[in-house]
Amino acid sequence: MTGQFRDPSFIQTHIEQLTQFYQQHAIDPQGGFYQTLLPTGEHQQPEVKQLVSSTRLTWVFATCAKQFGQAPWLESAQHGFDYVKQHHFDPQRNAYNWVMHGEQAHEQDNYCYGLAFVLLMHAGALNAGLADAKQGLEATFELMEQRFWQPEFGLYADQASADWQDYSDYRGQNANMHACEAMIAAYEATQEQRYLDRALLIAENICIRQTQTTNGLIWEHYSKNWQVDWEYNKDDPKNLYRPWGFQPGHLTEWTKLLLLIYRHSPQPWLLISAENLFNAAWTTAWDKERGGLYYGFGPDGNICDDDKYFWVQAESMAAAALLAKATNKEVYWQCYDQLWEYSWQHFCEQKHQPWWRLLDANNQVLDPTIASPGAKIDYHTIGACLEVLRVLTTD
């Protein structure tokens, strides 16, 4: 069984069938995508469209259309791209509506996290050759620069009011992590050095500077002055975007990002830090009895959230493959194999289908939908598999 997970044709089939599921079931002829989907493909809440899911699925269609030469997927990418420009974007505020209910903006607060995915979407659209993508990419970068960038900290602020007048004191690593991801994609799409430089600066500040007081691990939440906030959401450990505790999935996602930067700028600290973060996540959070990585652990090293999320397994899988490639250490291929064997059994049910979003500690399904606005649209799974495919097919 293990051999198939290292077979490029298996990975390619998985990507293609996941993408085809969304091609078949997620296209809303009225504009944008259906974002609440059951495993049957049936959609619910067709009017609810959240910025992160809109941009992520557009990126998926654009990237997979380019990778596999699929014209219908390119049309779907254009369909999603147009919806983001015409409905999520509000030219009067020079901002993006966070949630749409039909034609109405339902929530309009501004999030750096959201703009990071707008930037990623434009990078994917540019790679796929969509018109206006370069212009949109530059405009999004400038918007992030103007509204969220804090040069004194070398990181992005997190949240502003709809009119850009009030800013939250909250600072978070998550928005910066996805900004870093988007900058790498922008660099690969344009070859403009400023994007790679920004990715490197964010990475160094989050992974090195901000871990000086956290035992080398990346904490999620900070005060206005980027001091660790140990108490934030301690009473809400399952918060969708801002959970309390160290996040194994974010430690391994940073592993992935550090190694993507390393491809373009092979600085030794990137590889050292990538390996340290992955090993910490694996040794602390891998469930040795039932398989899978737990969601969160506290400063004491004890698991604080024993649920198992699809994205944590997928991102860790990509990180393991990239580490195996970069270090030539077989142990990381073994981690990769374990993650796939576990995910193939429990998240996929041994079929090339969209993964379940959330399982409990005993690997029982907790969420009957396989897509939900802002929570899951298989961008993590498809994106991770695209990186794995890259590892398996390049010398």
Protein backbone atom coordinates (compact mmCIF):
# COMPACT_ATOMS: atom_id res chain seq x y z
CA MET A 1 0.00 0.00 0.00
CA THR A 2 2.79 2.42 0.96
CA GLY A 3 4.26 2.39 -2.53
CA GLN A 4 1.21 3.92 -4.16
CA PHE A 5 1.47 7.08 -2.02
CA ARG A 6 4.88 7.81 -3.50
CA ASP A 7 3.63 7.16 -7.04
CA PRO A 8 3.16 10.44 -8.96
CA SER A 9 0.21 8.96 -10.88
CA PHE A 10 -1.65 8.28 -7.61
CA ILE A 11 -1.09 11.86 -6.44
CA GLN A 12 -2.10 13.29 -9.82
CA THR A 13 -5.29 11.21 -9.86
CA HIS A 14 -6.12 12.44 -6.37
CA ILE A 15 -5.68 16.10 -7.36
CA GLU A 16 -7.66 15.69 -10.56
CA GLN A 17 -10.58 13.90 -8.96
CA LEU A 18 -10.82 16.37 -6.08
CA THR A 19 -10.76 19.28 -8.50
CA GLN A 20 -13.32 17.58 -10.73
CA PHE A 21 -15.68 17.17 -7.76
CA TYR A 22 -15.73 20.95 -7.30
CA GLN A 23 -15.99 21.48 -11.05
CA GLN A 24 -19.09 19.28 -11.06
CA HIS A 25 -20.79 20.50 -7.88
CA ALA A 26 -19.51 23.92 -6.78
CA ILE A 27 -20.17 26.20 -9.74
CA ASP A 28 -23.01 28.63 -9.01
CA PRO A 29 -24.36 29.85 -12.37
CA GLN A 30 -25.43 33.06 -10.61
CA GLY A 31 -21.78 33.80 -9.81
CA GLY A 32 -19.03 32.40 -7.63
CA PHE A 33 -19.10 29.01 -5.97
CA TYR A 34 -21.40 27.01 -3.74
CA GLN A 35 -19.37 26.72 -0.55
CA THR A 36 -21.48 24.39 1.63
CA LEU A 37 -21.38 20.92 0.08
CA LEU A 38 -22.38 17.45 1.22
CA PRO A 39 -20.33 14.38 0.17
CA THR A 40 -23.01 13.66 -2.46
CA GLY A 41 -22.23 17.03 -4.08
CA GLU A 42 -25.56 18.48 -2.98
CA HIS A 43 -25.22 22.11 -1.92
CA GLN A 44 -26.74 24.00 1.00
CA GLN A 45 -26.80 27.74 1.88
CA PRO A 46 -26.15 28.67 -1.77
CA GLU A 47 -26.29 32.39 -0.95
CA VAL A 48 -23.42 32.33 1.59
CA LYS A 49 -20.02 33.11 0.06
CA GLN A 50 -17.00 33.80 2.20
CA LEU A 51 -13.91 35.55 0.83
CA VAL A 52 -11.40 32.88 1.85
CA SER A 53 -13.33 30.05 0.19
CA SER A 54 -14.01 32.16 -2.93
CA THR A 55 -10.33 32.97 -3.42
CA ARG A 56 -9.01 29.54 -2.45
CA LEU A 57 -11.21 27.65 -4.92
CA THR A 58 -10.40 30.17 -7.65
CA TRP A 59 -6.71 29.49 -6.95
CA VAL A 60 -7.33 25.73 -7.10
CA PHE A 61 -9.04 25.95 -10.51
CA ALA A 62 -6.42 28.31 -11.93
CA THR A 63 -3.46 26.28 -10.66
CA CYS A 64 -4.85 22.88 -11.68
CA ALA A 65 -5.97 24.18 -15.06
CA LYS A 66 -2.40 25.31 -15.74
CA GLN A 67 -0.87 22.12 -14.33
CA PHE A 68 -3.09 19.66 -16.19
CA GLY A 69 -4.22 21.65 -19.24
CA GLN A 70 -7.92 21.55 -18.38
CA ALA A 71 -9.87 24.25 -20.25
CA PRO A 72 -13.11 23.81 -18.21
CA TRP A 73 -11.17 24.41 -14.99
CA LEU A 74 -9.71 27.58 -16.49
CA GLU A 75 -13.27 28.76 -17.19
CA SER A 76 -14.16 28.04 -13.56
CA ALA A 77 -11.11 29.99 -12.42
CA GLN A 78 -12.31 32.94 -14.49
CA HIS A 79 -15.81 32.50 -13.05
CA GLY A 80 -14.45 32.68 -9.49
CA PHE A 81 -12.04 35.50 -10.31
CA ASP A 82 -14.88 37.60 -11.74
CA TYR A 83 -17.03 37.01 -8.67
CA VAL A 84 -14.29 38.14 -6.29
CA LYS A 85 -13.70 41.29 -8.36
CA GLN A 86 -17.38 42.13 -8.84
CA HIS A 87 -18.95 41.10 -5.52
CA HIS A 88 -16.35 40.65 -2.78
CA PHE A 89 -14.45 43.76 -3.83
CA ASP A 90 -15.98 47.08 -2.80
CA PRO A 91 -14.33 49.90 -4.79
CA GLN A 92 -15.84 52.59 -2.56
CA ARG A 93 -13.95 51.26 0.46
CA ASN A 94 -11.05 49.80 -1.52
CA ALA A 95 -11.71 46.67 0.51
CA TYR A 96 -13.09 43.15 0.24
CA ASN A 97 -16.41 42.03 1.69
CA TRP A 98 -15.66 39.17 4.08
CA VAL A 99 -19.03 37.40 3.67
CA MET A 100 -21.69 37.79 0.99
CA HIS A 101 -25.33 36.74 1.43
CA GLY A 102 -26.66 36.78 -2.10
CA GLU A 103 -26.15 40.31 -3.42
CA GLN A 104 -25.69 41.79 0.06
CA ALA A 105 -22.43 42.17 1.96
CA HIS A 106 -23.07 40.42 5.27
CA GLU A 107 -19.78 41.14 7.00
CA GLN A 108 -17.31 43.85 5.98
CA ASP A 109 -14.52 43.91 8.54
CA ASN A 110 -11.10 43.87 6.89
CA TYR A 111 -8.72 40.99 7.61
CA CYS A 112 -5.11 40.68 6.52
CA TYR A 113 -5.78 36.93 6.42
CA GLY A 114 -8.38 37.54 3.71
CA LEU A 115 -6.11 39.80 1.66
CA ALA A 116 -3.39 37.16 1.80
CA PHE A 117 -5.72 34.82 -0.08
CA VAL A 118 -6.72 37.56 -2.52
CA LEU A 119 -3.00 37.91 -3.27
CA LEU A 120 -2.58 34.13 -3.61
CA MET A 121 -5.57 33.99 -5.95
CA HIS A 122 -4.06 36.67 -8.18
CA ALA A 123 -0.74 34.80 -8.30
CA GLY A 124 -2.56 31.65 -9.43
CA ALA A 125 -4.61 33.63 -11.94
CA LEU A 126 -1.46 35.24 -13.34
CA ASN A 127 0.19 31.84 -13.77
CA ALA A 128 -2.92 30.64 -15.60
CA GLY A 129 -2.92 33.68 -17.90
CA LEU A 130 -6.10 35.41 -16.73
CA ALA A 131 -6.47 39.03 -17.81
CA ASP A 132 -5.94 41.74 -15.16
CA ALA A 133 -4.26 39.28 -12.79
CA LYS A 134 -0.90 41.15 -12.72
CA GLN A 135 -2.61 44.47 -12.09
CA GLY A 136 -4.76 42.93 -9.35
CA LEU A 137 -1.76 41.26 -7.72
CA GLU A 138 0.11 44.57 -7.51
CA ALA A 139 -2.98 46.40 -6.22
CA THR A 140 -3.50 43.78 -3.49
CA PHE A 141 0.12 43.97 -2.40
CA GLU A 142 -0.14 47.77 -2.18
CA LEU A 143 -3.38 47.51 -0.19
CA MET A 144 -1.73 45.16 2.31
CA GLU A 145 1.25 47.51 2.42
CA GLN A 146 -0.87 50.58 3.04
CA ARG A 147 -3.36 49.13 5.54
CA PHE A 148 -1.68 46.32 7.45
CA TRP A 149 2.11 46.37 7.10
CA GLN A 150 3.98 47.48 10.25
CA PRO A 151 7.58 48.16 9.25
CA GLU A 152 8.68 48.66 12.86
CA PHE A 153 7.82 44.99 13.52
CA GLY A 154 8.37 43.61 10.04
CA LEU A 155 4.95 41.92 10.20
CA TYR A 156 1.30 42.55 9.33
CA ALA A 157 -1.44 43.73 11.66
CA ASP A 158 -4.56 41.58 11.68
CA GLN A 159 -7.95 43.27 11.53
CA ALA A 160 -9.53 46.64 10.76
CA SER A 161 -13.08 47.96 10.72
CA ALA A 162 -15.05 48.14 7.47
CA ASP A 163 -14.13 51.82 7.00
CA TRP A 164 -10.46 51.26 7.93
CA GLN A 165 -10.79 53.68 10.87
CA ASP A 166 -10.37 51.26 13.78
CA TYR A 167 -7.73 48.58 14.16
CA SER A 168 -7.81 45.64 16.52
CA ASP A 169 -4.95 45.38 19.02
CA TYR A 170 -4.80 41.66 18.28
CA ARG A 171 -1.77 40.42 16.36
CA GLY A 172 -1.54 36.90 15.01
CA GLN A 173 0.92 34.63 13.28
CA ASN A 174 -1.75 33.01 11.08
CA ALA A 175 -2.36 36.05 8.87
CA ASN A 176 1.40 36.48 8.52
CA MET A 177 1.91 32.82 7.66
CA HIS A 178 -0.59 33.02 4.81
CA ALA A 179 0.83 36.37 3.73
CA CYS A 180 4.20 34.62 3.51
CA GLU A 181 2.64 31.84 1.43
CA ALA A 182 1.08 34.40 -0.90
CA MET A 183 4.38 36.30 -1.27
CA ILE A 184 6.15 33.09 -2.32
CA ALA A 185 3.42 32.49 -4.90
CA ALA A 186 3.65 36.11 -6.08
CA TYR A 187 7.41 35.74 -6.50
CA GLU A 188 7.03 32.50 -8.46
CA ALA A 189 4.41 34.13 -10.71
CA THR A 190 6.34 37.37 -11.37
CA GLN A 191 10.00 36.71 -10.47
CA GLU A 192 9.94 40.09 -8.70
CA GLN A 193 12.45 40.02 -5.86
CA ARG A 194 10.40 42.24 -3.52
CA TYR A 195 7.91 39.41 -2.96
CA LEU A 196 10.58 36.87 -2.05
CA ASP A 197 12.27 39.43 0.21
CA ARG A 198 8.98 40.02 2.01
CA ALA A 199 8.34 36.29 2.41
CA LEU A 200 11.81 35.85 3.90
CA LEU A 201 11.38 38.78 6.30
CA ILE A 202 8.02 37.50 7.58
CA ALA A 203 9.42 33.99 7.97
CA GLU A 204 12.47 35.15 9.90
CA ASN A 205 10.44 37.36 12.22
CA ILE A 206 7.79 34.72 13.00
CA CYS A 207 10.03 31.65 13.14
CA ILE A 208 13.14 33.13 14.76
CA ARG A 209 12.43 36.43 16.55
CA GLN A 210 8.96 35.61 17.85
CA THR A 211 10.04 32.20 19.15
CA GLN A 212 12.73 33.54 21.51
CA THR A 213 10.39 33.22 24.51
CA THR A 214 8.39 30.18 23.36
CA ASN A 215 11.06 27.49 23.36
CA GLY A 216 11.55 27.77 19.60
CA LEU A 217 7.90 27.02 18.80
CA ILE A 218 5.44 29.37 17.10
CA TRP A 219 2.69 30.73 19.34
CA GLU A 220 -0.47 31.94 17.62
CA HIS A 221 -1.49 35.11 19.50
CA TYR A 222 0.22 38.38 20.38
CA SER A 223 -0.46 41.83 21.78
CA LYS A 224 -0.31 45.06 19.78
CA ASN A 225 3.46 45.21 20.36
CA TRP A 226 3.99 41.59 19.36
CA GLN A 227 4.38 40.28 22.90
CA VAL A 228 3.17 36.69 23.44
CA ASP A 229 -0.43 36.58 24.71
CA TRP A 230 -0.70 33.26 26.54
CA GLU A 231 -4.32 33.82 27.58
CA TYR A 232 -5.98 34.78 24.27
CA ASN A 233 -8.92 32.43 23.53
CA LYS A 234 -7.85 30.08 26.32
CA ASP A 235 -11.58 29.60 26.98
CA ASP A 236 -12.24 29.00 23.24
CA PRO A 237 -9.66 26.40 22.16
CA LYS A 238 -11.73 25.34 19.13
CA ASN A 239 -12.03 28.83 17.61
CA LEU A 240 -11.91 28.37 13.82
CA TYR A 241 -9.27 31.01 13.05
CA ARG A 242 -7.71 31.78 16.42
CA PRO A 243 -7.52 28.63 18.58
CA TRP A 244 -5.52 28.61 21.81
CA GLY A 245 -2.38 26.53 22.08
CA PHE A 246 0.48 25.55 19.82
CA GLN A 247 -0.88 24.32 16.49
CA PRO A 248 0.98 21.28 15.09
CA GLY A 249 -0.56 21.98 11.68
CA HIS A 250 0.87 25.50 11.66
CA LEU A 251 4.28 24.24 12.76
CA THR A 252 4.35 21.86 9.80
CA GLU A 253 2.81 24.43 7.45
CA TRP A 254 5.72 26.71 8.37
CA THR A 255 8.04 23.78 7.62
CA LYS A 256 6.56 23.70 4.14
CA LEU A 257 6.86 27.45 3.61
CA LEU A 258 10.44 27.62 4.87
CA LEU A 259 11.40 24.90 2.40
CA LEU A 260 9.60 26.66 -0.46
CA ILE A 261 11.66 29.78 0.30
CA TYR A 262 14.75 27.55 0.58
CA ARG A 263 14.25 26.50 -3.04
CA HIS A 264 14.83 30.10 -4.14
CA SER A 265 17.17 31.29 -1.37
CA PRO A 266 19.01 28.33 0.22
CA GLN A 267 19.96 29.89 3.56
CA PRO A 268 20.94 27.25 6.16
CA TRP A 269 18.64 28.57 8.92
CA LEU A 270 15.59 27.85 6.78
CA LEU A 271 16.32 24.13 6.66
CA ILE A 272 17.33 23.95 10.33
CA SER A 273 14.17 25.75 11.47
CA ALA A 274 11.95 23.69 9.13
CA GLU A 275 13.27 20.44 10.57
CA ASN A 276 12.95 21.63 14.19
CA LEU A 277 9.34 22.72 13.73
CA PHE A 278 8.30 19.50 12.02
CA ASN A 279 9.97 17.29 14.62
CA ALA A 280 8.33 19.21 17.48
CA ALA A 281 4.90 18.82 15.91
CA TRP A 282 5.40 15.13 15.18
CA THR A 283 6.81 14.06 18.53
CA THR A 284 4.21 16.01 20.51
CA ALA A 285 1.04 15.53 18.47
CA TRP A 286 1.16 12.23 16.55
CA ASP A 287 -1.44 9.79 17.94
CA LYS A 288 0.60 6.59 18.22
CA GLU A 289 -2.45 4.41 18.91
CA ARG A 290 -5.08 5.63 16.43
CA GLY A 291 -3.00 7.59 13.94
CA GLY A 292 -3.23 11.20 12.86
CA LEU A 293 -1.98 14.48 14.26
CA TYR A 294 -3.95 16.13 17.05
CA TYR A 295 -5.00 19.76 16.64
CA GLY A 296 -3.40 21.59 19.57
CA PHE A 297 -1.10 21.31 22.57
CA GLY A 298 -0.47 23.66 25.47
CA PRO A 299 2.79 25.23 26.70
CA ASP A 300 3.14 22.21 29.00
CA GLY A 301 3.21 19.86 26.00
CA ASN A 302 -0.14 18.26 26.84
CA ILE A 303 -2.77 17.92 24.09
CA CYS A 304 -5.45 20.61 24.54
CA ASP A 305 -7.53 19.72 21.46
CA ASP A 306 -7.52 16.07 20.39
CA ASP A 307 -9.67 16.51 17.30
CA LYS A 308 -8.09 15.74 13.94
CA TYR A 309 -8.47 18.24 11.11
CA PHE A 310 -8.00 17.39 7.45
CA TRP A 311 -5.70 20.33 6.77
CA VAL A 312 -3.27 19.40 9.54
CA GLN A 313 -2.67 15.96 7.99
CA ALA A 314 -2.43 17.36 4.43
CA GLU A 315 0.00 20.19 5.22
CA SER A 316 2.12 17.84 7.31
CA MET A 317 2.24 15.39 4.40
CA ALA A 318 3.61 18.07 2.07
CA ALA A 319 6.08 19.19 4.74
CA ALA A 320 7.32 15.61 5.25
CA ALA A 321 7.87 15.10 1.51
CA LEU A 322 9.71 18.42 1.17
CA LEU A 323 11.88 17.60 4.21
CA ALA A 324 12.65 14.14 2.85
CA LYS A 325 13.76 15.74 -0.41
CA ALA A 326 15.80 18.51 1.24
CA THR A 327 17.57 16.34 3.84
CA ASN A 328 17.70 12.92 2.16
CA LYS A 329 16.50 11.43 5.45
CA GLU A 330 14.28 8.37 5.07
CA VAL A 331 12.57 9.08 8.40
CA TYR A 332 10.58 11.89 6.77
CA TRP A 333 9.36 9.57 4.01
CA GLN A 334 8.21 7.24 6.78
CA CYS A 335 6.25 10.11 8.37
CA TYR A 336 4.81 10.91 4.94
CA ASP A 337 3.73 7.28 4.47
CA GLN A 338 2.11 7.17 7.92
CA LEU A 339 0.18 10.37 7.25
CA TRP A 340 -1.08 9.07 3.90
CA GLU A 341 -2.02 5.64 5.24
CA TYR A 342 -3.97 7.27 8.06
CA SER A 343 -5.63 9.91 5.86
CA TRP A 344 -6.46 7.48 3.05
CA GLN A 345 -8.29 5.25 5.54
CA HIS A 346 -10.06 7.82 7.69
CA PHE A 347 -10.36 11.10 5.77
CA CYS A 348 -10.77 9.65 2.26
CA GLU A 349 -12.32 6.26 3.02
CA GLN A 350 -9.88 4.86 0.45
CA LYS A 351 -11.46 6.80 -2.40
CA HIS A 352 -10.25 9.79 -4.41
CA GLN A 353 -12.91 12.05 -2.90
CA PRO A 354 -12.93 15.31 -0.95
CA TRP A 355 -11.66 14.66 2.56
CA TRP A 356 -13.82 14.87 5.65
CA ARG A 357 -13.15 18.16 7.40
CA LEU A 358 -13.01 17.03 11.01
CA LEU A 359 -12.68 13.80 12.98
CA ASP A 360 -12.62 13.21 16.73
CA ALA A 361 -9.77 11.51 18.57
CA ASN A 362 -11.25 8.10 17.67
CA ASN A 363 -11.43 9.07 13.98
CA GLN A 364 -15.22 9.42 13.90
CA VAL A 365 -16.63 12.06 11.53
CA LEU A 366 -17.74 15.23 13.36
CA ASP A 367 -18.81 17.39 10.39
CA PRO A 368 -21.25 15.97 7.80
CA THR A 369 -20.31 18.59 5.18
CA ILE A 370 -17.16 18.26 3.12
CA ALA A 371 -17.06 21.96 2.24
CA SER A 372 -18.14 24.90 4.38
CA PRO A 373 -17.58 28.66 3.95
CA GLY A 374 -14.21 29.75 5.25
CA ALA A 375 -13.57 26.35 6.83
CA LYS A 376 -12.92 23.92 3.97
CA ILE A 377 -12.83 23.91 0.19
CA ASP A 378 -9.98 21.34 -0.31
CA TYR A 379 -7.40 24.04 -1.09
CA HIS A 380 -5.17 22.55 1.63
CA THR A 381 -5.46 19.01 0.29
CA ILE A 382 -5.01 19.94 -3.37
CA GLY A 383 -2.24 22.43 -2.59
CA ALA A 384 -0.37 19.91 -0.47
CA CYS A 385 -0.67 17.24 -3.16
CA LEU A 386 0.60 19.69 -5.80
CA GLU A 387 3.74 20.22 -3.69
CA VAL A 388 4.13 16.47 -3.21
CA LEU A 389 3.78 15.96 -6.96
CA ARG A 390 6.49 18.58 -7.48
CA VAL A 391 8.79 16.69 -5.11
CA LEU A 392 8.10 13.33 -6.77
CA THR A 393 8.58 14.54 -10.34
CA THR A 394 11.62 16.88 -10.10
CA ASP A 395 15.25 15.88 -9.70
